C-alpha atoms as a PDB file:
ATOM      1  CA  MET A   1     -76.953  48.256 -64.073  1.00  0.00           C
ATOM      2  CA  SER A   2     -73.562  49.098 -62.187  1.00  0.00           C
ATOM      3  CA  ARG A   3     -73.720  50.809 -58.809  1.00  0.00           C
ATOM      4  CA  ARG A   4     -71.304  53.001 -57.921  1.00  0.00           C
ATOM      5  CA  ARG A   5     -69.601  53.182 -54.942  1.00  0.00           C
ATOM      6  CA  THR A   6     -69.527  55.625 -52.309  1.00  0.00           C
ATOM      7  CA  LEU A   7     -66.840  56.000 -49.509  1.00  0.00           C
ATOM      8  CA  GLY A   8     -68.019  56.123 -46.031  1.00  0.00           C
ATOM      9  CA  PRO A   9     -67.403  59.694 -43.830  1.00  0.00           C
ATOM     10  CA  LYS A  10     -64.990  57.584 -41.766  1.00  0.00           C
ATOM     11  CA  LYS A  11     -62.988  56.616 -45.044  1.00  0.00           C
ATOM     12  CA  LYS A  12     -62.994  59.870 -46.204  1.00  0.00           C
ATOM     13  CA  ILE A  13     -61.791  61.458 -43.523  1.00  0.00           C
ATOM     14  CA  ALA A  14     -58.887  59.023 -42.941  1.00  0.00           C
ATOM     15  CA  LEU A  15     -57.922  59.467 -46.740  1.00  0.00           C
ATOM     16  CA  LEU A  16     -57.785  63.409 -46.727  1.00  0.00           C
ATOM     17  CA  VAL A  17     -55.188  62.989 -43.023  1.00  0.00           C
ATOM     18  CA  SER A  18     -53.371  60.461 -44.884  1.00  0.00           C
ATOM     19  CA  ALA A  19     -52.800  63.161 -48.009  1.00  0.00           C
ATOM     20  CA  ALA A  20     -52.281  66.352 -45.237  1.00  0.00           C
ATOM     21  CA  THR A  21     -49.681  64.155 -43.451  1.00  0.00           C
ATOM     22  CA  VAL A  22     -47.701  63.288 -47.147  1.00  0.00           C
ATOM     23  CA  ALA A  23     -48.031  67.139 -48.190  1.00  0.00           C
ATOM     24  CA  GLY A  24     -46.713  68.233 -44.827  1.00  0.00           C
ATOM     25  CA  GLY A  25     -43.727  66.108 -44.716  1.00  0.00           C
ATOM     26  CA  GLY A  26     -42.912  67.185 -48.310  1.00  0.00           C
ATOM     27  CA  ALA A  27     -43.001  70.850 -46.863  1.00  0.00           C
ATOM     28  CA  PHE A  28     -40.851  70.281 -44.087  1.00  0.00           C
ATOM     29  CA  VAL A  29     -38.314  68.445 -46.230  1.00  0.00           C
ATOM     30  CA  MET A  30     -37.979  71.176 -48.679  1.00  0.00           C
ATOM     31  CA  ALA A  31     -37.954  73.874 -45.964  1.00  0.00           C
ATOM     32  CA  SER A  32     -35.513  71.698 -44.269  1.00  0.00           C
ATOM     33  CA  THR A  33     -33.147  71.263 -47.338  1.00  0.00           C
ATOM     34  CA  SER A  34     -33.676  75.818 -47.976  1.00  0.00           C
ATOM     35  CA  ASN A  35     -32.760  76.619 -44.518  1.00  0.00           C
ATOM     36  CA  ALA A  36     -29.570  74.019 -44.762  1.00  0.00           C
ATOM     37  CA  THR A  37     -26.688  76.454 -43.428  1.00  0.00           C
ATOM     38  CA  PRO A  38     -24.039  76.682 -46.443  1.00  0.00           C
ATOM     39  CA  PRO A  39     -20.449  75.806 -45.186  1.00  0.00           C
ATOM     40  CA  ALA A  40     -18.285  78.217 -44.270  1.00  0.00           C
ATOM     41  CA  PRO A  41     -15.779  79.469 -46.613  1.00  0.00           C
ATOM     42  CA  LYS A  42     -11.565  77.804 -46.406  1.00  0.00           C
ATOM     43  CA  SER A  43      -9.037  79.932 -45.837  1.00  0.00           C
ATOM     44  CA  ALA A  44      -5.711  80.324 -47.727  1.00  0.00           C
ATOM     45  CA  ALA A  45      -4.474  78.673 -44.348  1.00  0.00           C
ATOM     46  CA  GLU A  46      -6.816  75.637 -44.961  1.00  0.00           C
ATOM     47  CA  SER A  47      -6.870  74.878 -48.492  1.00  0.00           C
ATOM     48  CA  THR A  48      -4.047  74.527 -50.677  1.00  0.00           C
ATOM     49  CA  ALA A  49      -6.250  75.789 -53.976  1.00  0.00           C
ATOM     50  CA  CYS A  50      -7.685  78.901 -51.991  1.00  0.00           C
ATOM     51  CA  LEU A  51      -3.961  80.059 -50.763  1.00  0.00           C
ATOM     52  CA  GLY A  52      -3.200  79.564 -54.995  1.00  0.00           C
ATOM     53  CA  LEU A  53      -6.049  81.622 -55.625  1.00  0.00           C
ATOM     54  CA  ALA A  54      -5.329  84.169 -52.786  1.00  0.00           C
ATOM     55  CA  THR A  55      -1.840  84.487 -54.554  1.00  0.00           C
ATOM     56  CA  ALA A  56      -2.865  85.283 -57.675  1.00  0.00           C
ATOM     57  CA  LEU A  57      -4.988  88.209 -56.100  1.00  0.00           C
ATOM     58  CA  GLY A  58      -2.471  89.314 -53.838  1.00  0.00           C
ATOM     59  CA  ASN A  59       0.118  89.427 -56.879  1.00  0.00           C
ATOM     60  CA  ASN A  60      -1.998  91.501 -59.011  1.00  0.00           C
ATOM     61  CA  GLU A  61      -2.906  93.743 -56.225  1.00  0.00           C
ATOM     62  CA  LYS A  62       0.781  94.802 -55.225  1.00  0.00           C
ATOM     63  CA  PHE A  63       0.833  95.054 -59.200  1.00  0.00           C
ATOM     64  CA  ILE A  64      -2.278  97.845 -59.084  1.00  0.00           C
ATOM     65  CA  ALA A  65      -0.279  99.258 -56.476  1.00  0.00           C
ATOM     66  CA  ASP A  66       3.185  99.403 -58.101  1.00  0.00           C
ATOM     67  CA  GLN A  67       1.475 101.213 -61.551  1.00  0.00           C
ATOM     68  CA  ARG A  68      -0.184 103.514 -59.541  1.00  0.00           C
ATOM     69  CA  ALA A  69       2.617 104.787 -57.236  1.00  0.00           C
ATOM     70  CA  ASP A  70       5.026 104.652 -60.362  1.00  0.00           C
ATOM     71  CA  PRO A  71       2.664 105.360 -63.758  1.00  0.00           C
ATOM     72  CA  ASP A  72       3.466 105.737 -66.714  1.00  0.00           C
ATOM     73  CA  ALA A  73       1.501 105.854 -70.477  1.00  0.00           C
ATOM     74  CA  GLN A  74       0.215 102.394 -70.162  1.00  0.00           C
ATOM     75  CA  SER A  75       0.023 102.102 -66.659  1.00  0.00           C
ATOM     76  CA  GLU A  76      -4.092 103.291 -66.739  1.00  0.00           C
ATOM     77  CA  ALA A  77      -4.910 100.108 -69.469  1.00  0.00           C
ATOM     78  CA  ARG A  78      -2.622  97.676 -67.235  1.00  0.00           C
ATOM     79  CA  ILE A  79      -4.985  98.300 -64.162  1.00  0.00           C
ATOM     80  CA  ALA A  80      -7.839  98.323 -65.829  1.00  0.00           C
ATOM     81  CA  ASN A  81      -6.765  94.581 -67.427  1.00  0.00           C
ATOM     82  CA  ARG A  82      -5.621  93.438 -63.868  1.00  0.00           C
ATOM     83  CA  GLU A  83      -9.122  94.727 -62.155  1.00  0.00           C
ATOM     84  CA  ALA A  84     -10.690  92.535 -64.686  1.00  0.00           C
ATOM     85  CA  VAL A  85      -8.540  89.872 -63.914  1.00  0.00           C
ATOM     86  CA  ILE A  86      -8.844  90.464 -60.112  1.00  0.00           C
ATOM     87  CA  GLU A  87     -12.595  89.854 -60.567  1.00  0.00           C
ATOM     88  CA  GLU A  88     -12.377  86.683 -62.363  1.00  0.00           C
ATOM     89  CA  ILE A  89     -10.151  85.311 -59.161  1.00  0.00           C
ATOM     90  CA  LYS A  90     -12.921  85.526 -56.678  1.00  0.00           C
ATOM     91  CA  ARG A  91     -15.338  84.586 -58.871  1.00  0.00           C
ATOM     92  CA  LYS A  92     -12.846  81.433 -58.694  1.00  0.00           C
ATOM     93  CA  GLN A  93     -12.653  81.864 -54.912  1.00  0.00           C
ATOM     94  CA  GLU A  94     -16.216  81.835 -54.658  1.00  0.00           C
ATOM     95  CA  ALA A  95     -17.081  78.814 -57.079  1.00  0.00           C
ATOM     96  CA  SER A  96     -14.105  76.791 -54.691  1.00  0.00           C
ATOM     97  CA  GLY A  97     -15.784  77.797 -51.598  1.00  0.00           C
ATOM     98  CA  CYS A  98     -12.972  79.411 -50.362  1.00  0.00           C
ATOM     99  CA  ALA A  99     -12.775  83.233 -48.524  1.00  0.00           C
ATOM    100  CA  VAL A 100     -14.285  85.879 -51.276  1.00  0.00           C
ATOM    101  CA  GLY A 101     -11.287  88.825 -51.608  1.00  0.00           C
ATOM    102  CA  GLU A 102      -8.570  87.236 -49.639  1.00  0.00           C
ATOM    103  CA  SER A 103      -5.154  88.055 -50.618  1.00  0.00           C
ATOM    104  CA  ALA A 104      -1.727  87.196 -50.147  1.00  0.00           C
ATOM    105  CA  GLN A 105       1.746  87.649 -51.607  1.00  0.00           C
ATOM    106  CA  ASP A 106       4.275  85.036 -53.074  1.00  0.00           C
ATOM    107  CA  SER A 107       6.404  85.983 -50.415  1.00  0.00           C
ATOM    108  CA  GLN A 108       3.756  86.178 -47.530  1.00  0.00           C
ATOM    109  CA  ALA A 109       1.237  83.636 -48.056  1.00  0.00           C
ATOM    110  CA  ALA A 110       1.144  81.484 -45.072  1.00  0.00           C
ATOM    111  CA  GLN A 111       1.507  77.477 -46.006  1.00  0.00           C
ATOM    112  CA  PRO A 112      -1.465  75.535 -44.810  1.00  0.00           C
ATOM    113  CA  SER A 113      -1.450  72.526 -42.957  1.00  0.00           C
ATOM    114  CA  GLN A 114      -0.521  69.486 -45.242  1.00  0.00           C
ATOM    115  CA  PRO A 115      -1.727  66.087 -44.280  1.00  0.00           C
ATOM    116  CA  ALA A 116       0.514  63.381 -44.421  1.00  0.00           C
ATOM    117  CA  GLN A 117       0.912  62.250 -47.854  1.00  0.00           C
ATOM    118  CA  GLY A 118      -0.706  63.624 -50.793  1.00  0.00           C
ATOM    119  CA  GLY A 119      -3.473  66.724 -50.394  1.00  0.00           C
ATOM    120  CA  GLU A 120      -4.686  69.153 -52.819  1.00  0.00           C
ATOM    121  CA  GLN A 121      -2.437  71.916 -54.459  1.00  0.00           C
ATOM    122  CA  ALA A 122      -3.410  75.695 -55.472  1.00  0.00           C
ATOM    123  CA  GLY A 123      -1.797  78.277 -57.421  1.00  0.00           C
ATOM    124  CA  GLY A 124      -2.963  81.755 -58.412  1.00  0.00           C
ATOM    125  CA  GLY A 125      -1.349  84.606 -60.265  1.00  0.00           C
ATOM    126  CA  GLN A 126      -2.072  87.281 -62.055  1.00  0.00           C
ATOM    127  CA  GLN A 127      -3.814  87.884 -65.625  1.00  0.00           C
ATOM    128  CA  THR A 128      -6.655  86.449 -67.243  1.00  0.00           C
ATOM    129  CA  GLY A 129      -7.784  82.731 -67.462  1.00  0.00           C
ATOM    130  CA  GLY A 130      -6.679  80.089 -65.235  1.00  0.00           C
ATOM    131  CA  GLY A 131      -6.737  76.166 -64.233  1.00  0.00           C
ATOM    132  CA  GLU A 132      -8.008  75.327 -61.132  1.00  0.00           C
ATOM    133  CA  GLN A 133      -4.827  73.781 -59.643  1.00  0.00           C
ATOM    134  CA  ALA A 134      -3.250  73.728 -56.307  1.00  0.00           C
ATOM    135  CA  GLY A 135      -0.275  72.554 -54.680  1.00  0.00           C
ATOM    136  CA  ASP A 136       0.508  71.069 -51.297  1.00  0.00           C
ATOM    137  CA  THR A 137       3.992  69.285 -50.038  1.00  0.00           C
ATOM    138  CA  GLN A 138       6.598  72.013 -49.691  1.00  0.00           C
ATOM    139  CA  PRO A 139       9.438  71.104 -51.881  1.00  0.00           C
ATOM    140  CA  SER A 140      12.828  70.591 -51.826  1.00  0.00           C
ATOM    141  CA  GLN A 141      15.161  72.651 -53.624  1.00  0.00           C
ATOM    142  CA  PRO A 142      16.335  71.041 -56.886  1.00  0.00           C
ATOM    143  CA  ALA A 143      19.717  69.576 -56.726  1.00  0.00           C
ATOM    144  CA  GLU A 144      20.968  71.678 -59.445  1.00  0.00           C
ATOM    145  CA  SER A 145      20.851  75.598 -58.612  1.00  0.00           C
ATOM    146  CA  ALA A 146      21.789  78.225 -60.342  1.00  0.00           C
ATOM    147  CA  PRO A 147      24.897  80.868 -58.502  1.00  0.00           C
ATOM    148  CA  ALA A 148      23.067  82.801 -55.782  1.00  0.00           C
ATOM    149  CA  GLU A 149      23.999  86.321 -58.224  1.00  0.00           C
ATOM    150  CA  ASN A 150      21.821  84.737 -60.846  1.00  0.00           C
ATOM    151  CA  ALA A 151      19.320  83.232 -58.813  1.00  0.00           C
ATOM    152  CA  GLY A 152      16.844  85.670 -60.686  1.00  0.00           C
ATOM    153  CA  GLY A 153      17.200  88.357 -62.788  1.00  0.00           C
ATOM    154  CA  GLY A 154      17.441  89.834 -66.387  1.00  0.00           C
ATOM    155  CA  ALA A 155      21.333  89.408 -66.400  1.00  0.00           C
ATOM    156  CA  ALA A 156      21.188  85.585 -66.516  1.00  0.00           C
ATOM    157  CA  ALA A 157      23.205  83.841 -69.158  1.00  0.00           C
ATOM    158  CA  SER A 158      20.844  81.628 -71.881  1.00  0.00           C
ATOM    159  CA  GLY A 159      20.611  78.225 -70.057  1.00  0.00           C
ATOM    160  CA  GLN A 160      20.526  79.454 -66.634  1.00  0.00           C
ATOM    161  CA  GLN A 161      18.164  78.356 -63.710  1.00  0.00           C
ATOM    162  CA  VAL A 162      16.437  81.469 -62.565  1.00  0.00           C
ATOM    163  CA  CYS A 163      14.126  82.356 -59.768  1.00  0.00           C
ATOM    164  CA  ASN A 164      15.163  79.909 -57.407  1.00  0.00           C
ATOM    165  CA  GLY A 165      12.215  78.555 -54.651  1.00  0.00           C
ATOM    166  CA  SER A 166       9.641  80.503 -56.621  1.00  0.00           C
ATOM    167  CA  THR A 167       6.234  79.346 -56.811  1.00  0.00           C
ATOM    168  CA  VAL A 168       4.512  79.517 -60.227  1.00  0.00           C
ATOM    169  CA  THR A 169       1.017  80.504 -60.461  1.00  0.00           C
ATOM    170  CA  LEU A 170      -1.411  81.723 -63.370  1.00  0.00           C
ATOM    171  CA  SER A 171      -1.914  85.186 -64.179  1.00  0.00           C
ATOM    172  CA  GLY A 172      -5.009  85.022 -65.390  1.00  0.00           C
ATOM    173  CA  GLU A 173      -4.808  86.231 -69.060  1.00  0.00           C
ATOM    174  CA  GLY A 174      -5.553  84.965 -71.973  1.00  0.00           C
ATOM    175  CA  GLY A 175      -4.139  84.248 -75.454  1.00  0.00           C
ATOM    176  CA  ALA A 176      -1.767  81.883 -76.723  1.00  0.00           C
ATOM    177  CA  PRO A 177       0.887  80.600 -74.018  1.00  0.00           C
ATOM    178  CA  ALA A 178       2.917  83.297 -72.327  1.00  0.00           C
ATOM    179  CA  ALA A 179       4.624  84.509 -69.364  1.00  0.00           C
ATOM    180  CA  SER A 180       4.727  88.100 -67.514  1.00  0.00           C
ATOM    181  CA  SER A 181       7.553  88.675 -64.763  1.00  0.00           C
ATOM    182  CA  ASN A 182       8.965  91.917 -63.119  1.00  0.00           C
ATOM    183  CA  GLN A 183      12.875  90.540 -63.287  1.00  0.00           C
ATOM    184  CA  PHE A 184      12.874  89.972 -67.422  1.00  0.00           C
ATOM    185  CA  PRO A 185      12.038  92.294 -70.052  1.00  0.00           C
ATOM    186  CA  VAL A 186       9.448  91.305 -72.979  1.00  0.00           C
ATOM    187  CA  GLY A 187      10.812  89.025 -75.119  1.00  0.00           C
ATOM    188  CA  THR A 188      12.907  86.885 -72.776  1.00  0.00           C
ATOM    189  CA  LYS A 189      11.813  82.930 -73.376  1.00  0.00           C
ATOM    190  CA  LEU A 190      11.360  81.482 -70.292  1.00  0.00           C
ATOM    191  CA  LYS A 191      11.245  77.213 -69.738  1.00  0.00           C
ATOM    192  CA  VAL A 192       8.992  75.958 -66.365  1.00  0.00           C
ATOM    193  CA  THR A 193       8.843  72.754 -65.478  1.00  0.00           C
ATOM    194  CA  ASN A 194       6.715  71.087 -62.806  1.00  0.00           C
ATOM    195  CA  LEU A 195       8.861  68.727 -60.817  1.00  0.00           C
ATOM    196  CA  ASP A 196       5.579  67.258 -59.406  1.00  0.00           C
ATOM    197  CA  ASN A 197       4.777  65.970 -62.841  1.00  0.00           C
ATOM    198  CA  ASN A 198       8.100  66.963 -65.204  1.00  0.00           C
ATOM    199  CA  LYS A 199       5.545  68.664 -67.719  1.00  0.00           C
ATOM    200  CA  SER A 200       7.214  71.786 -69.304  1.00  0.00           C
ATOM    201  CA  THR A 201       6.541  74.477 -71.161  1.00  0.00           C
ATOM    202  CA  THR A 202       8.590  77.563 -73.182  1.00  0.00           C
ATOM    203  CA  VAL A 203       7.394  80.889 -73.295  1.00  0.00           C
ATOM    204  CA  GLU A 204       8.180  84.563 -74.078  1.00  0.00           C
ATOM    205  CA  VAL A 205       7.803  87.094 -71.907  1.00  0.00           C
ATOM    206  CA  THR A 206       4.475  89.248 -73.071  1.00  0.00           C
ATOM    207  CA  SER A 207       4.309  91.604 -70.281  1.00  0.00           C
ATOM    208  CA  VAL A 208       5.076  93.134 -66.926  1.00  0.00           C
ATOM    209  CA  SER A 209       3.773  91.171 -63.373  1.00  0.00           C
ATOM    210  CA  GLY A 210       4.585  91.232 -59.837  1.00  0.00           C
ATOM    211  CA  SER A 211       6.577  88.082 -59.918  1.00  0.00           C
ATOM    212  CA  CYS A 212       9.234  86.417 -61.223  1.00  0.00           C
ATOM    213  CA  ALA A 213       7.163  84.509 -63.785  1.00  0.00           C
ATOM    214  CA  LEU A 214       3.796  83.897 -64.135  1.00  0.00           C
ATOM    215  CA  LEU A 215       2.058  81.976 -66.242  1.00  0.00           C
ATOM    216  CA  ASN A 216      -0.931  82.944 -68.272  1.00  0.00           C
ATOM    217  CA  ASN A 217      -4.196  80.589 -68.599  1.00  0.00           C
ATOM    218  CA  ALA A 218      -3.016  78.441 -71.401  1.00  0.00           C
ATOM    219  CA  ALA A 219       0.482  77.813 -70.454  1.00  0.00           C
ATOM    220  CA  PHE A 220      -0.348  77.407 -66.931  1.00  0.00           C
ATOM    221  CA  GLU A 221      -2.561  74.631 -68.372  1.00  0.00           C
ATOM    222  CA  GLN A 222       0.903  72.760 -70.628  1.00  0.00           C
ATOM    223  CA  VAL A 223       1.903  72.108 -66.892  1.00  0.00           C
ATOM    224  CA  ARG A 224      -0.676  71.859 -64.246  1.00  0.00           C
ATOM    225  CA  GLU A 225      -1.916  69.276 -62.346  1.00  0.00           C
ATOM    226  CA  PRO A 226      -5.530  68.576 -62.132  1.00  0.00           C
ATOM    227  CA  GLY A 227      -7.321  70.153 -59.412  1.00  0.00           C
ATOM    228  CA  LYS A 228      -4.146  72.412 -58.915  1.00  0.00           C
ATOM    229  CA  PHE A 229      -3.706  76.398 -58.966  1.00  0.00           C
ATOM    230  CA  LEU A 230       0.073  76.791 -57.883  1.00  0.00           C
ATOM    231  CA  ILE A 231       2.940  75.071 -58.448  1.00  0.00           C
ATOM    232  CA  ARG A 232       5.890  74.806 -55.457  1.00  0.00           C
ATOM    233  CA  ARG A 233       8.128  72.572 -57.217  1.00  0.00           C
ATOM    234  CA  ALA A 234       8.940  74.405 -60.521  1.00  0.00           C
ATOM    235  CA  VAL A 235      12.342  75.261 -62.082  1.00  0.00           C
ATOM    236  CA  ILE A 236      12.373  78.162 -64.264  1.00  0.00           C
ATOM    237  CA  GLU A 237      15.225  78.732 -66.770  1.00  0.00           C
ATOM    238  CA  LYS A 238      15.749  81.510 -69.109  1.00  0.00           C
ATOM    239  CA  VAL A 239      16.550  80.113 -72.131  1.00  0.00           C
ATOM    240  CA  GLY A 240      16.459  82.855 -74.701  1.00  0.00           C
END
């Protein structure tokens, strides 16, 4: 008949102390992890990705302000669409670690400090949808620039380079590849080339925006670089 071995009082106490120590250590690790301070949100001046999203937000806010200042029969619907876009941009800001609600417009956006070589790039815009991209190096102007009187405007001839010096961001709108513009009427065809990767897309202007040319999500995806929300080195041509 086998004998059941039992632990003495001292061994029981030692085992209980060891178990408590292990449990306490695990609880300490969990508490330390849950109490870790999250990183501070990045501003547009610190990240080109955040700059692109802030620019997109600012462009949409400007468009809404312009529609409210000079409304027409379609203004209410346009404003509702852009308000939905703004909420989507804010979600992208949060997901990218950017300051949620930070806004900048194309002509006012501060340039973030740039690394010596390479870096992230950003881009924003106005309509729905998006791609996460950003641009960082300050571009030199393309050699073939259009005459000053045609630098950006609906009067430019077909094949004319327009919107010289403009950055290109996403509008946030979904649907088939298209563009929106404050300088070209609906139906105008624009060719947008990203000089950083030599990708281009030809799209039709389908709506009004607060910038010379904004690409919707599908069009922006055709020319974007991975991880970037802004195209700084772009050539925009009126082709129809």
